[in-house]
N, C-alpha and C. Protein backbone atom coordinates (compact mmCIF):
# COMPACT_ATOMS: atom_id res chain seq x y z
N MET A 1 99.15 18.98 131.24
CA MET A 1 98.64 20.14 131.07
C MET A 1 99.39 21.12 132.22
N VAL A 2 99.76 22.33 131.78
CA VAL A 2 100.34 23.17 132.73
C VAL A 2 99.62 24.49 132.67
N GLY A 3 99.20 24.94 133.98
CA GLY A 3 98.54 26.08 134.08
C GLY A 3 98.99 27.01 135.48
N ASN A 4 98.15 28.16 135.41
CA ASN A 4 98.47 29.06 136.45
C ASN A 4 97.35 29.35 137.31
N THR A 5 97.04 29.92 138.61
CA THR A 5 95.93 30.38 138.87
C THR A 5 96.14 31.58 139.61
N ALA A 6 95.04 32.66 139.45
CA ALA A 6 95.25 33.89 140.17
C ALA A 6 93.90 34.35 141.03
N TYR A 7 94.05 34.83 142.14
CA TYR A 7 93.12 35.53 142.38
C TYR A 7 92.82 36.52 141.95
N LEU A 8 91.35 36.90 141.46
CA LEU A 8 91.10 37.86 140.52
C LEU A 8 89.70 38.71 140.76
N THR A 9 89.58 40.03 140.62
CA THR A 9 88.44 40.74 140.96
C THR A 9 88.11 41.60 139.92
N ALA A 10 86.55 41.92 139.82
CA ALA A 10 86.24 42.94 138.92
C ALA A 10 86.14 44.24 139.97
N ALA A 11 87.31 45.10 139.93
CA ALA A 11 87.20 46.43 140.87
C ALA A 11 86.02 47.38 140.55
N LEU A 12 85.48 47.90 141.45
CA LEU A 12 84.43 48.75 141.31
C LEU A 12 85.03 50.21 141.94
N GLY A 13 85.36 50.93 140.80
CA GLY A 13 85.82 52.24 141.28
C GLY A 13 84.98 53.24 141.50
N SER A 14 85.24 54.29 142.74
CA SER A 14 84.29 55.35 142.90
C SER A 14 85.02 56.57 143.26
N GLY A 15 84.51 57.74 143.44
CA GLY A 15 85.23 59.14 143.47
C GLY A 15 84.28 60.18 143.46
N PRO A 16 85.39 61.40 143.41
CA PRO A 16 84.45 62.86 143.30
C PRO A 16 84.46 62.90 141.78
N GLY A 17 83.64 62.39 141.26
CA GLY A 17 83.65 62.44 139.75
C GLY A 17 83.82 61.41 139.15
N PRO A 18 83.29 61.10 137.70
CA PRO A 18 83.57 59.88 137.00
C PRO A 18 85.04 59.56 136.52
N GLN A 19 85.94 60.65 136.25
CA GLN A 19 87.13 60.70 135.57
C GLN A 19 88.19 60.00 136.93
N LEU A 20 87.85 60.44 138.15
CA LEU A 20 88.83 60.00 139.41
C LEU A 20 88.37 58.57 139.52
N ALA A 21 86.96 58.21 139.51
CA ALA A 21 86.47 56.89 139.83
C ALA A 21 87.11 56.07 138.69
N GLN A 22 87.22 56.46 137.70
CA GLN A 22 87.80 55.32 136.42
C GLN A 22 89.14 55.47 136.67
N ARG A 23 90.01 56.33 137.38
CA ARG A 23 91.40 56.22 137.41
C ARG A 23 91.54 55.28 138.28
N ALA A 24 90.81 55.50 139.87
CA ALA A 24 90.95 54.54 140.68
C ALA A 24 90.72 53.12 140.22
N GLU A 25 89.82 52.87 139.54
CA GLU A 25 89.28 51.18 139.04
C GLU A 25 90.42 50.89 138.39
N ARG A 26 90.88 51.65 137.14
CA ARG A 26 92.32 51.26 136.54
C ARG A 26 93.27 51.22 137.16
N ALA A 27 93.47 51.53 138.00
CA ALA A 27 94.66 51.65 138.96
C ALA A 27 94.71 50.03 139.96
N ALA A 28 93.46 49.79 140.60
CA ALA A 28 93.04 48.67 141.21
C ALA A 28 93.16 47.49 140.34
N ASN A 29 92.28 47.79 138.94
CA ASN A 29 92.41 46.33 138.04
C ASN A 29 94.32 46.44 137.59
N ALA A 30 94.97 47.26 137.68
CA ALA A 30 96.52 47.00 137.38
C ALA A 30 97.10 46.36 138.42
N MET A 31 96.87 46.73 139.60
CA MET A 31 97.46 46.22 140.87
C MET A 31 97.00 44.53 141.33
N LEU A 32 95.64 44.38 140.96
CA LEU A 32 94.98 43.24 141.55
C LEU A 32 94.98 42.44 140.39
N ASN A 33 94.80 42.62 139.34
CA ASN A 33 94.70 41.60 138.04
C ASN A 33 95.83 41.57 137.47
N ARG A 34 96.24 42.97 136.53
CA ARG A 34 97.15 42.80 135.39
C ARG A 34 98.30 42.45 135.95
N ALA A 35 98.99 42.84 137.11
CA ALA A 35 100.00 42.68 137.33
C ALA A 35 100.51 40.97 137.77
N PHE A 36 99.56 40.38 137.79
CA PHE A 36 99.80 38.76 138.27
C PHE A 36 99.42 38.05 136.74
N LEU A 37 98.86 38.93 135.76
CA LEU A 37 98.64 38.01 134.44
C LEU A 37 99.54 38.55 133.23
N GLU A 38 99.77 39.74 133.16
CA GLU A 38 100.33 39.94 132.03
C GLU A 38 101.92 40.01 131.85
N PRO A 39 102.70 39.91 133.01
CA PRO A 39 104.23 39.33 132.81
C PRO A 39 104.28 38.20 132.12
N GLY A 40 103.27 37.29 132.69
CA GLY A 40 103.42 35.78 131.91
C GLY A 40 102.94 35.72 130.61
N LEU A 41 102.51 36.98 129.98
CA LEU A 41 102.06 37.01 128.80
C LEU A 41 102.99 37.84 127.88
N GLY A 42 103.97 38.35 128.49
CA GLY A 42 105.07 39.02 127.78
C GLY A 42 104.82 40.20 127.66
N MET A 43 103.83 40.94 128.45
CA MET A 43 103.44 42.32 128.34
C MET A 43 104.04 43.25 129.28
N GLY A 44 104.96 42.62 130.09
CA GLY A 44 105.51 43.43 131.11
C GLY A 44 104.46 43.85 132.66
N TYR A 45 105.06 45.12 133.25
CA TYR A 45 103.88 45.22 134.26
C TYR A 45 103.02 46.27 134.00
N PRO A 46 102.08 46.63 134.27
CA PRO A 46 100.96 47.76 133.92
C PRO A 46 101.33 49.05 134.58
N THR A 47 102.55 49.83 134.20
CA THR A 47 103.03 50.69 134.93
C THR A 47 102.17 52.00 134.82
N ASP A 48 101.70 52.14 133.69
CA ASP A 48 101.01 53.04 133.26
C ASP A 48 99.62 53.57 134.31
N ASP A 49 98.76 52.49 134.43
CA ASP A 49 97.91 52.66 135.15
C ASP A 49 98.13 52.58 136.70
N ALA A 50 99.35 51.95 137.19
CA ALA A 50 99.48 51.75 138.50
C ALA A 50 101.22 52.29 138.57
N PRO A 51 101.32 53.57 138.35
CA PRO A 51 102.76 53.82 138.59
C PRO A 51 103.78 53.43 139.80
N ILE A 52 102.93 53.07 140.87
CA ILE A 52 103.66 52.48 142.23
C ILE A 52 104.35 51.47 141.73
N LEU A 53 104.20 50.33 140.60
CA LEU A 53 104.64 49.53 140.60
C LEU A 53 106.08 49.64 139.66
N ARG A 54 106.16 50.93 139.24
CA ARG A 54 107.88 50.99 138.58
C ARG A 54 108.62 50.96 139.47
N MET A 55 108.80 50.85 141.09
CA MET A 55 109.42 50.67 141.71
C MET A 55 110.11 49.21 141.51
N MET A 56 109.21 48.45 141.11
CA MET A 56 109.95 46.90 140.94
C MET A 56 111.33 46.94 139.87
N ARG A 57 111.28 47.70 139.16
CA ARG A 57 112.34 48.18 138.03
C ARG A 57 113.74 47.89 138.53
N ARG A 58 114.00 48.26 139.57
CA ARG A 58 115.26 48.00 140.29
C ARG A 58 115.58 46.57 140.73
N TYR A 59 114.59 45.80 140.59
CA TYR A 59 114.94 44.42 141.01
C TYR A 59 114.79 43.39 139.72
N ILE A 60 114.17 44.34 138.59
CA ILE A 60 114.54 43.50 137.18
C ILE A 60 115.54 43.33 136.40
N GLN A 61 116.10 42.03 136.38
CA GLN A 61 117.39 42.24 135.59
C GLN A 61 117.28 41.72 134.17
N ASP A 62 118.42 41.93 133.40
CA ASP A 62 118.34 41.78 131.90
C ASP A 62 117.71 40.30 131.70
N GLY A 63 116.88 39.95 130.88
CA GLY A 63 116.00 38.98 130.64
C GLY A 63 115.03 38.34 131.52
N ASP A 64 114.49 39.03 132.59
CA ASP A 64 114.05 38.78 133.49
C ASP A 64 112.28 38.61 132.62
N LEU A 65 111.99 39.69 132.15
CA LEU A 65 110.64 39.76 131.53
C LEU A 65 110.63 38.60 130.45
N GLU A 66 111.76 38.52 129.84
CA GLU A 66 111.51 37.51 128.79
C GLU A 66 111.27 35.97 129.18
N ARG A 67 111.96 35.96 130.58
CA ARG A 67 111.69 34.50 131.03
C ARG A 67 110.46 34.26 131.59
N CYS A 68 109.97 35.39 132.24
CA CYS A 68 108.60 35.24 132.57
C CYS A 68 107.58 34.63 131.79
N GLU A 69 107.77 34.90 130.43
CA GLU A 69 106.76 34.63 129.48
C GLU A 69 106.36 33.15 129.33
N VAL A 70 105.00 32.53 129.38
CA VAL A 70 104.81 31.19 129.44
C VAL A 70 103.49 31.09 128.61
N ASP A 71 103.84 29.78 127.86
CA ASP A 71 102.59 29.49 127.06
C ASP A 71 101.82 28.31 127.89
N LEU A 72 100.61 28.90 128.72
CA LEU A 72 99.84 27.81 129.59
C LEU A 72 98.70 27.22 128.75
N ASP A 73 98.70 26.01 129.21
CA ASP A 73 97.45 25.30 128.64
C ASP A 73 96.18 25.64 129.24
N PHE A 74 96.16 26.25 130.40
CA PHE A 74 94.91 26.67 131.03
C PHE A 74 95.34 28.05 131.92
N LEU A 75 94.34 28.53 132.53
CA LEU A 75 94.49 29.66 133.50
C LEU A 75 93.40 29.58 134.65
N GLY A 76 93.66 29.15 135.90
CA GLY A 76 92.75 29.13 136.91
C GLY A 76 92.50 30.68 137.48
N VAL A 77 91.26 30.92 137.63
CA VAL A 77 90.52 31.97 138.23
C VAL A 77 89.93 31.80 139.46
N GLN A 78 90.46 32.43 140.40
CA GLN A 78 89.89 32.35 141.94
C GLN A 78 88.91 33.55 141.90
N TYR A 79 87.55 33.49 142.40
CA TYR A 79 86.88 34.53 142.43
C TYR A 79 85.59 34.35 143.49
N TYR A 80 85.71 35.27 144.45
CA TYR A 80 85.07 35.39 145.55
C TYR A 80 83.86 36.71 145.53
N THR A 81 84.50 37.79 145.45
CA THR A 81 83.53 39.01 145.39
C THR A 81 84.31 40.14 144.54
N ARG A 82 83.71 41.14 144.22
CA ARG A 82 84.34 42.42 143.67
C ARG A 82 84.78 43.22 144.87
N LEU A 83 85.98 43.55 144.63
CA LEU A 83 86.85 44.40 145.76
C LEU A 83 86.31 45.86 145.19
N ARG A 84 86.15 46.84 146.11
CA ARG A 84 85.64 48.45 145.80
C ARG A 84 87.16 49.07 145.69
N ALA A 85 87.32 49.99 145.13
CA ALA A 85 88.45 50.99 144.71
C ALA A 85 88.01 52.29 144.55
N PRO A 86 87.74 52.80 146.00
CA PRO A 86 87.71 54.26 146.28
C PRO A 86 89.01 55.20 145.66
N PHE A 87 88.74 56.44 145.19
CA PHE A 87 90.00 57.08 144.85
C PHE A 87 90.26 57.80 146.11
N ARG A 88 91.89 57.64 146.18
CA ARG A 88 92.56 58.38 147.13
C ARG A 88 93.72 58.99 146.59
N PRO A 89 94.13 60.35 147.11
CA PRO A 89 94.76 61.26 146.44
C PRO A 89 96.46 61.01 146.63
N ILE A 90 96.73 59.70 146.03
CA ILE A 90 97.79 59.13 146.54
C ILE A 90 98.66 59.08 145.18
N PRO A 91 99.70 59.87 144.95
CA PRO A 91 100.37 59.96 143.61
C PRO A 91 100.79 58.51 143.46
N GLY A 92 100.81 58.01 142.11
CA GLY A 92 101.16 56.66 141.76
C GLY A 92 100.06 55.13 142.35
N LEU A 93 99.40 55.49 143.29
CA LEU A 93 98.49 54.73 143.91
C LEU A 93 97.24 54.62 143.43
N TRP A 94 96.71 55.77 143.88
CA TRP A 94 95.36 56.07 143.55
C TRP A 94 94.10 55.66 144.03
N THR A 95 94.45 54.61 144.69
CA THR A 95 93.18 53.65 145.68
C THR A 95 93.68 53.05 146.63
N VAL A 96 93.02 52.52 147.49
CA VAL A 96 93.31 51.44 148.51
C VAL A 96 92.18 50.27 148.16
N PRO A 97 92.31 49.58 147.50
CA PRO A 97 91.15 48.33 147.49
C PRO A 97 90.83 47.88 148.66
N GLY A 98 89.57 47.58 148.91
CA GLY A 98 89.22 46.89 150.22
C GLY A 98 87.62 46.13 149.77
N PHE A 99 87.08 45.62 150.93
CA PHE A 99 86.04 44.67 150.68
C PHE A 99 84.71 45.79 150.91
N GLY A 100 83.78 45.81 150.02
CA GLY A 100 82.56 46.78 150.21
C GLY A 100 81.70 46.38 151.27
N ASP A 101 80.89 47.43 151.63
CA ASP A 101 79.98 47.29 152.77
C ASP A 101 78.53 47.91 152.15
N ASP A 102 78.11 47.42 151.26
CA ASP A 102 76.73 47.90 150.50
C ASP A 102 75.64 47.34 151.49
N PRO A 103 74.92 48.20 152.23
CA PRO A 103 73.85 47.64 152.85
C PRO A 103 72.71 46.98 152.32
N THR A 104 72.63 47.36 151.09
CA THR A 104 71.60 46.44 150.33
C THR A 104 72.10 45.23 149.68
N LEU A 105 73.11 44.95 149.63
CA LEU A 105 73.79 43.76 149.18
C LEU A 105 73.75 42.51 150.41
N GLU A 106 73.52 41.04 150.01
CA GLU A 106 73.71 40.07 150.84
C GLU A 106 75.34 39.97 151.10
N LYS A 107 75.60 39.49 152.15
CA LYS A 107 76.85 39.27 152.69
C LYS A 107 77.23 37.75 153.30
N THR A 108 78.48 37.34 153.14
CA THR A 108 78.85 36.28 153.61
C THR A 108 79.14 36.20 155.18
N SER A 109 79.32 35.49 155.87
CA SER A 109 79.70 35.52 157.03
C SER A 109 81.22 36.25 157.30
N MET A 110 81.76 36.60 156.54
CA MET A 110 83.05 37.39 156.48
C MET A 110 83.06 38.54 156.09
N GLY A 111 81.72 39.04 155.85
CA GLY A 111 81.41 40.10 155.56
C GLY A 111 81.57 40.83 153.86
N TRP A 112 81.90 39.67 153.05
CA TRP A 112 82.12 39.77 151.65
C TRP A 112 81.03 40.03 150.83
N GLU A 113 80.57 41.05 150.08
CA GLU A 113 79.62 41.21 149.04
C GLU A 113 79.42 40.06 148.38
N ILE A 114 78.23 39.60 148.10
CA ILE A 114 77.90 38.84 147.40
C ILE A 114 77.51 39.16 145.96
N ARG A 115 78.44 39.21 144.68
CA ARG A 115 78.39 39.79 143.33
C ARG A 115 78.83 39.02 142.44
N PRO A 116 77.93 37.90 142.20
CA PRO A 116 78.02 37.38 141.33
C PRO A 116 78.66 37.54 139.82
N GLU A 117 78.05 39.11 139.43
CA GLU A 117 78.38 39.53 138.01
C GLU A 117 79.66 39.84 137.76
N GLY A 118 80.50 39.92 139.16
CA GLY A 118 81.93 40.17 139.14
C GLY A 118 82.42 38.86 138.60
N LEU A 119 82.05 37.65 138.61
CA LEU A 119 82.71 36.46 138.02
C LEU A 119 82.47 36.62 136.49
N GLY A 120 81.57 36.89 135.88
CA GLY A 120 81.38 36.97 134.29
C GLY A 120 82.38 38.17 133.81
N MET A 121 82.49 39.29 134.74
CA MET A 121 83.28 40.35 134.16
C MET A 121 85.01 39.74 134.34
N VAL A 122 85.46 39.02 135.36
CA VAL A 122 86.59 38.58 135.19
C VAL A 122 86.84 37.41 134.53
N LEU A 123 86.04 36.51 133.81
CA LEU A 123 86.02 35.88 132.88
C LEU A 123 86.02 36.51 131.59
N ASP A 124 85.36 37.44 131.55
CA ASP A 124 85.50 37.96 129.81
C ASP A 124 86.84 39.00 129.94
N MET A 125 87.34 39.26 131.00
CA MET A 125 88.73 40.19 131.04
C MET A 125 89.78 39.11 130.86
N VAL A 126 89.60 38.09 131.24
CA VAL A 126 91.11 37.08 131.13
C VAL A 126 91.08 36.90 129.53
N HIS A 127 89.67 36.35 129.17
CA HIS A 127 89.36 35.88 127.86
C HIS A 127 89.84 36.75 126.66
N ALA A 128 89.78 37.89 126.80
CA ALA A 128 89.94 39.29 126.02
C ALA A 128 91.42 39.11 125.85
N TYR A 129 92.28 38.63 126.47
CA TYR A 129 93.64 38.45 126.17
C TYR A 129 93.97 37.51 125.05
N GLY A 130 93.04 36.77 124.63
CA GLY A 130 93.25 35.75 123.52
C GLY A 130 94.50 34.74 123.80
N ARG A 131 94.62 34.50 124.79
CA ARG A 131 96.02 33.80 125.23
C ARG A 131 95.81 32.33 125.61
N TYR A 132 94.56 32.44 126.36
CA TYR A 132 94.24 31.24 127.23
C TYR A 132 93.04 30.21 126.53
N PRO A 133 93.73 29.19 126.39
CA PRO A 133 92.90 28.07 125.58
C PRO A 133 91.60 27.55 126.38
N ARG A 134 92.03 27.60 127.88
CA ARG A 134 91.11 27.14 128.57
C ARG A 134 91.13 27.72 129.97
N ILE A 135 89.95 28.06 130.51
CA ILE A 135 89.81 28.66 131.80
C ILE A 135 89.01 27.73 132.66
N VAL A 136 89.59 27.70 133.89
CA VAL A 136 88.99 27.09 135.26
C VAL A 136 88.70 27.93 136.33
N VAL A 137 87.59 27.93 136.60
CA VAL A 137 87.42 28.64 138.00
C VAL A 137 87.58 27.49 139.05
N THR A 138 89.18 27.97 139.65
CA THR A 138 89.71 26.87 140.57
C THR A 138 89.21 27.10 141.95
N GLU A 139 88.60 28.34 142.35
CA GLU A 139 87.99 28.71 143.74
C GLU A 139 86.74 29.50 143.42
N GLY A 140 85.82 29.46 144.39
CA GLY A 140 84.76 30.04 144.37
C GLY A 140 83.79 29.30 145.49
N GLY A 141 83.49 30.22 146.63
CA GLY A 141 82.51 29.82 147.53
C GLY A 141 82.16 30.77 148.27
N ALA A 142 81.28 30.42 149.65
CA ALA A 142 80.89 31.31 150.43
C ALA A 142 80.76 30.90 151.98
N SER A 143 81.25 31.52 152.92
CA SER A 143 81.26 31.19 154.15
C SER A 143 79.89 31.48 154.94
N PHE A 144 79.31 30.67 155.66
CA PHE A 144 77.80 31.25 156.38
C PHE A 144 77.96 30.35 157.82
N ALA A 145 77.28 30.77 158.53
CA ALA A 145 77.29 30.50 160.22
C ALA A 145 76.29 29.22 160.16
N ASP A 146 76.75 28.57 159.65
CA ASP A 146 76.05 26.67 159.59
C ASP A 146 76.02 26.19 160.98
N ARG A 147 75.11 25.31 160.85
CA ARG A 147 74.72 24.55 162.20
C ARG A 147 73.74 23.39 161.72
N ILE A 148 74.07 22.42 162.58
CA ILE A 148 73.63 21.06 162.40
C ILE A 148 72.12 21.10 163.07
N VAL A 149 71.18 20.90 162.53
CA VAL A 149 69.58 20.85 163.22
C VAL A 149 69.21 19.29 162.81
N ARG A 150 68.96 18.61 163.92
CA ARG A 150 68.46 17.33 163.81
C ARG A 150 69.32 16.51 162.35
N GLY A 151 70.51 16.38 162.44
CA GLY A 151 71.21 15.94 161.58
C GLY A 151 71.16 16.27 160.01
N ARG A 152 71.18 17.62 159.79
CA ARG A 152 71.08 18.09 158.74
C ARG A 152 71.28 19.61 158.75
N VAL A 153 72.12 20.04 157.74
CA VAL A 153 72.79 21.45 157.60
C VAL A 153 72.17 22.05 156.63
N HIS A 154 71.04 23.05 156.82
CA HIS A 154 70.39 23.69 155.73
C HIS A 154 71.00 24.61 155.36
N ASP A 155 71.71 24.73 154.42
CA ASP A 155 72.64 25.99 153.63
C ASP A 155 71.74 26.76 152.45
N ASP A 156 70.84 27.16 152.55
CA ASP A 156 70.04 27.60 151.21
C ASP A 156 70.79 28.89 150.71
N ARG A 157 71.36 29.42 151.57
CA ARG A 157 72.20 30.47 151.09
C ARG A 157 73.28 30.45 150.10
N ARG A 158 74.11 29.33 150.64
CA ARG A 158 75.18 28.80 149.95
C ARG A 158 74.68 28.17 148.67
N ILE A 159 73.69 27.47 148.32
CA ILE A 159 72.92 27.00 147.16
C ILE A 159 72.45 28.46 146.30
N ALA A 160 72.17 29.30 147.04
CA ALA A 160 71.84 30.36 146.13
C ALA A 160 72.77 31.00 145.59
N TYR A 161 74.23 31.23 146.25
CA TYR A 161 75.42 31.52 145.77
C TYR A 161 75.78 30.97 144.82
N TYR A 162 75.98 29.49 144.64
CA TYR A 162 76.43 28.70 143.84
C TYR A 162 75.69 28.81 142.35
N GLU A 163 74.27 28.92 142.64
CA GLU A 163 73.38 28.88 141.48
C GLU A 163 73.57 30.34 140.71
N SER A 164 73.89 31.14 141.46
CA SER A 164 74.09 32.55 140.66
C SER A 164 75.39 32.74 140.09
N HIS A 165 76.34 32.32 140.69
CA HIS A 165 77.77 32.14 140.05
C HIS A 165 77.72 31.13 138.86
N LEU A 166 77.14 29.79 139.31
CA LEU A 166 77.57 29.04 137.86
C LEU A 166 76.71 29.28 136.94
N ALA A 167 75.58 30.33 137.11
CA ALA A 167 74.79 31.17 135.92
C ALA A 167 75.74 32.11 135.17
N GLN A 168 76.60 32.68 136.16
CA GLN A 168 77.59 33.35 135.17
C GLN A 168 78.50 32.86 134.35
N VAL A 169 78.99 31.38 134.98
CA VAL A 169 79.73 30.67 134.06
C VAL A 169 78.90 30.45 132.83
N SER A 170 78.08 30.08 132.82
CA SER A 170 77.12 29.33 131.84
C SER A 170 77.04 30.36 130.91
N SER A 171 76.67 31.84 131.23
CA SER A 171 76.46 32.99 130.51
C SER A 171 77.87 33.33 129.61
N ALA A 172 78.85 33.19 130.36
CA ALA A 172 80.30 33.18 129.86
C ALA A 172 80.54 32.11 128.60
N ILE A 173 80.30 31.01 129.12
CA ILE A 173 80.58 30.14 127.87
C ILE A 173 80.01 30.28 126.62
N ASP A 174 78.11 30.60 126.74
CA ASP A 174 77.56 31.20 125.40
C ASP A 174 78.11 32.30 124.87
N ARG A 175 78.96 33.12 125.54
CA ARG A 175 79.40 34.32 124.89
C ARG A 175 80.77 33.82 124.06
N GLY A 176 81.23 32.66 124.35
CA GLY A 176 82.46 32.06 123.69
C GLY A 176 83.69 31.79 124.51
N VAL A 177 83.67 32.23 126.12
CA VAL A 177 84.52 32.13 126.68
C VAL A 177 84.78 30.57 127.21
N PRO A 178 85.96 30.09 126.78
CA PRO A 178 86.27 28.50 127.16
C PRO A 178 86.38 28.44 128.60
N VAL A 179 85.33 28.43 129.31
CA VAL A 179 85.41 28.00 130.50
C VAL A 179 85.15 26.24 130.64
N ASP A 180 86.09 25.54 130.97
CA ASP A 180 85.68 24.22 131.29
C ASP A 180 85.49 23.34 132.74
N GLY A 181 85.50 24.20 133.85
CA GLY A 181 85.67 23.90 134.88
C GLY A 181 85.23 24.53 136.15
N TYR A 182 84.72 24.34 136.87
CA TYR A 182 84.39 25.14 138.56
C TYR A 182 84.79 24.31 139.73
N PHE A 183 85.63 24.75 140.72
CA PHE A 183 85.72 24.04 141.72
C PHE A 183 85.44 24.80 142.82
N CYS A 184 84.63 23.93 143.74
CA CYS A 184 84.17 24.90 144.96
C CYS A 184 85.15 24.99 145.91
N TRP A 185 84.98 26.25 146.71
CA TRP A 185 85.74 26.33 147.85
C TRP A 185 84.69 26.45 149.02
N SER A 186 84.83 24.93 149.50
CA SER A 186 85.43 23.85 149.84
C SER A 186 84.62 22.65 149.82
N LEU A 187 85.23 21.43 149.44
CA LEU A 187 84.53 20.48 149.78
C LEU A 187 84.28 20.18 151.48
N LEU A 188 85.23 20.51 152.22
CA LEU A 188 85.11 20.19 153.57
C LEU A 188 85.25 21.80 154.70
N ASP A 189 84.74 21.94 155.36
CA ASP A 189 85.12 23.00 156.49
C ASP A 189 86.45 22.74 156.68
N ASN A 190 87.29 23.83 156.76
CA ASN A 190 88.76 23.77 157.30
C ASN A 190 89.04 25.00 157.90
N PHE A 191 90.34 24.92 158.10
CA PHE A 191 91.05 26.09 158.69
C PHE A 191 91.33 27.20 157.74
N GLU A 192 90.94 28.56 157.98
CA GLU A 192 91.15 29.50 157.10
C GLU A 192 92.45 30.19 157.50
N TRP A 193 93.31 30.40 156.66
CA TRP A 193 94.55 30.97 156.73
C TRP A 193 94.59 32.19 158.02
N ALA A 194 93.71 33.30 157.65
CA ALA A 194 93.78 34.51 158.94
C ALA A 194 92.54 34.23 159.86
N ASP A 195 91.14 33.12 159.71
CA ASP A 195 90.50 33.24 160.44
C ASP A 195 90.06 32.02 161.38
N GLY A 196 91.12 31.25 161.13
CA GLY A 196 90.83 29.80 161.86
C GLY A 196 89.65 29.24 161.28
N PHE A 197 89.15 28.52 162.46
CA PHE A 197 87.88 27.45 162.27
C PHE A 197 86.77 28.12 162.22
N GLU A 198 86.72 29.32 162.24
CA GLU A 198 85.38 29.85 162.37
C GLU A 198 84.50 30.10 161.11
N PRO A 199 85.18 30.59 159.87
CA PRO A 199 84.23 30.47 158.76
C PRO A 199 84.20 29.16 158.24
N ARG A 200 83.02 29.09 157.61
CA ARG A 200 82.80 27.55 157.23
C ARG A 200 82.39 27.78 155.62
N PHE A 201 83.35 27.13 154.93
CA PHE A 201 83.13 27.18 153.35
C PHE A 201 82.57 25.85 152.76
N GLY A 202 82.51 24.94 153.58
CA GLY A 202 82.41 23.39 152.99
C GLY A 202 81.04 23.34 152.34
N LEU A 203 81.17 22.10 151.52
CA LEU A 203 79.71 21.55 151.14
C LEU A 203 79.38 20.30 152.25
N VAL A 204 80.34 19.95 152.98
CA VAL A 204 80.54 19.26 154.23
C VAL A 204 80.78 19.76 155.62
N TYR A 205 80.03 19.72 156.35
CA TYR A 205 80.33 20.40 157.83
C TYR A 205 80.96 19.43 158.42
N VAL A 206 81.95 19.70 159.18
CA VAL A 206 82.96 18.96 160.00
C VAL A 206 83.17 19.62 161.34
N ASP A 207 82.67 18.28 162.29
CA ASP A 207 82.66 18.65 163.77
C ASP A 207 84.20 18.63 164.03
N TYR A 208 84.86 19.73 164.74
CA TYR A 208 86.18 19.92 164.61
C TYR A 208 86.52 19.00 165.96
N GLU A 209 85.63 18.73 167.05
CA GLU A 209 86.20 17.94 168.10
C GLU A 209 86.07 16.49 167.79
N THR A 210 85.15 16.16 167.02
CA THR A 210 85.16 14.74 166.98
C THR A 210 85.38 14.13 165.42
N GLN A 211 85.60 15.35 164.44
CA GLN A 211 86.05 14.90 163.43
C GLN A 211 84.61 14.24 162.18
N ALA A 212 83.49 14.30 163.05
CA ALA A 212 82.40 13.80 162.19
C ALA A 212 81.99 14.56 161.04
N ARG A 213 81.61 14.33 160.10
CA ARG A 213 81.33 14.88 158.73
C ARG A 213 79.79 14.62 158.70
N THR A 214 79.19 15.79 158.06
CA THR A 214 77.50 15.87 157.67
C THR A 214 77.52 16.79 156.59
N ILE A 215 77.13 15.99 155.46
CA ILE A 215 76.93 16.53 154.01
C ILE A 215 75.85 17.47 154.16
N LYS A 216 75.99 18.49 153.82
CA LYS A 216 75.22 19.92 154.00
C LYS A 216 74.08 19.85 152.84
N ASP A 217 73.22 20.62 152.94
CA ASP A 217 72.28 20.49 151.63
C ASP A 217 72.77 20.84 150.46
N SER A 218 73.75 22.00 150.27
CA SER A 218 74.29 22.33 149.10
C SER A 218 75.11 21.14 148.81
N GLY A 219 75.45 20.43 149.61
CA GLY A 219 76.41 19.37 148.97
C GLY A 219 75.90 18.19 148.21
N TYR A 220 74.57 17.96 148.74
CA TYR A 220 73.41 17.14 148.13
C TYR A 220 72.95 17.98 146.82
N TRP A 221 72.96 19.26 146.75
CA TRP A 221 72.50 19.94 145.59
C TRP A 221 73.40 19.74 144.48
N PHE A 222 74.67 19.87 145.05
CA PHE A 222 75.90 19.79 144.07
C PHE A 222 76.00 18.39 143.26
N ALA A 223 75.65 17.31 144.25
CA ALA A 223 75.88 16.04 143.65
C ALA A 223 74.45 16.04 142.67
N GLU A 224 73.35 16.40 142.95
CA GLU A 224 72.38 16.14 142.00
C GLU A 224 72.63 16.90 140.43
N GLN A 225 73.33 18.15 140.52
CA GLN A 225 73.76 18.88 139.45
C GLN A 225 74.74 17.97 138.78
N LEU A 226 75.29 17.33 139.34
CA LEU A 226 76.62 16.32 138.92
C LEU A 226 76.28 15.06 138.17
N GLY A 227 74.86 14.75 138.52
CA GLY A 227 73.93 13.43 138.10
C GLY A 227 74.23 12.46 139.06
N GLY A 228 74.63 12.65 140.35
CA GLY A 228 74.62 11.71 141.30
C GLY A 228 73.21 11.52 142.03
N THR A 229 73.02 10.46 142.64
CA THR A 229 71.99 10.07 143.38
C THR A 229 71.86 10.15 144.78
N ALA A 230 72.65 10.79 145.36
CA ALA A 230 72.86 10.42 146.65
C ALA A 230 71.64 11.65 147.19
N ILE A 231 71.02 11.16 148.35
CA ILE A 231 69.78 11.92 149.10
C ILE A 231 69.85 11.94 150.54
N PRO A 232 69.65 13.10 150.93
CA PRO A 232 69.86 13.38 152.40
C PRO A 232 69.18 12.40 153.19
N PRO A 233 69.50 12.15 154.54
CA PRO A 233 68.85 11.10 155.24
C PRO A 233 67.75 11.96 155.83
N SER A 234 66.57 11.19 156.13
CA SER A 234 65.32 11.58 156.77
C SER A 234 65.36 11.42 158.36
N HIS A 235 64.56 12.34 159.19
CA HIS A 235 64.91 12.31 160.58
C HIS A 235 63.46 12.57 161.11
């Protein structure tokens, strides 16, 4: 099996009027999603919606785009949140995407909005190409300020996160999207590239000083969904 994986998002455009908001959203979608998918499908780069990508032409040599096209067995999707795409009067760019800060939405400890509907939108988007026989969610998860209390880590918010996102996967399957896997980020708390050890994404809590591992409630919940019989210790 040969596949590729990409960080994808369902951009949420905004601006002074619906037309400019749509322009910003199309530009963000082109830069964040299509630019990483369509060359591999033999479609080139989406320069119409994101003219800034035209600067890449100077680096493209004869035959490059033809060699980019691949026949994948599956596509891996990494999804965490929807990015905001506010309109900006920057010719060729039209937006500067970033993380949202809606006070009405729940957020992770990294400040990312929890927007499960975006996962369903991304799955529909990639399925619409009609070129991916299998789709696997290769990353998804949330960081929270976990702590051990009497030998347990009660991370109900993470369980709710996975429940809502797996519901999106189930709905996509019902719509005919060929999703056949979901991988949590992550099994263990770990070192995050730009943020060190502070964010905790794991289903298992790691004491970095002692390396002791403690399965969080979300880990036991996931085991139950998979037919496991592990139960948390009683204290």
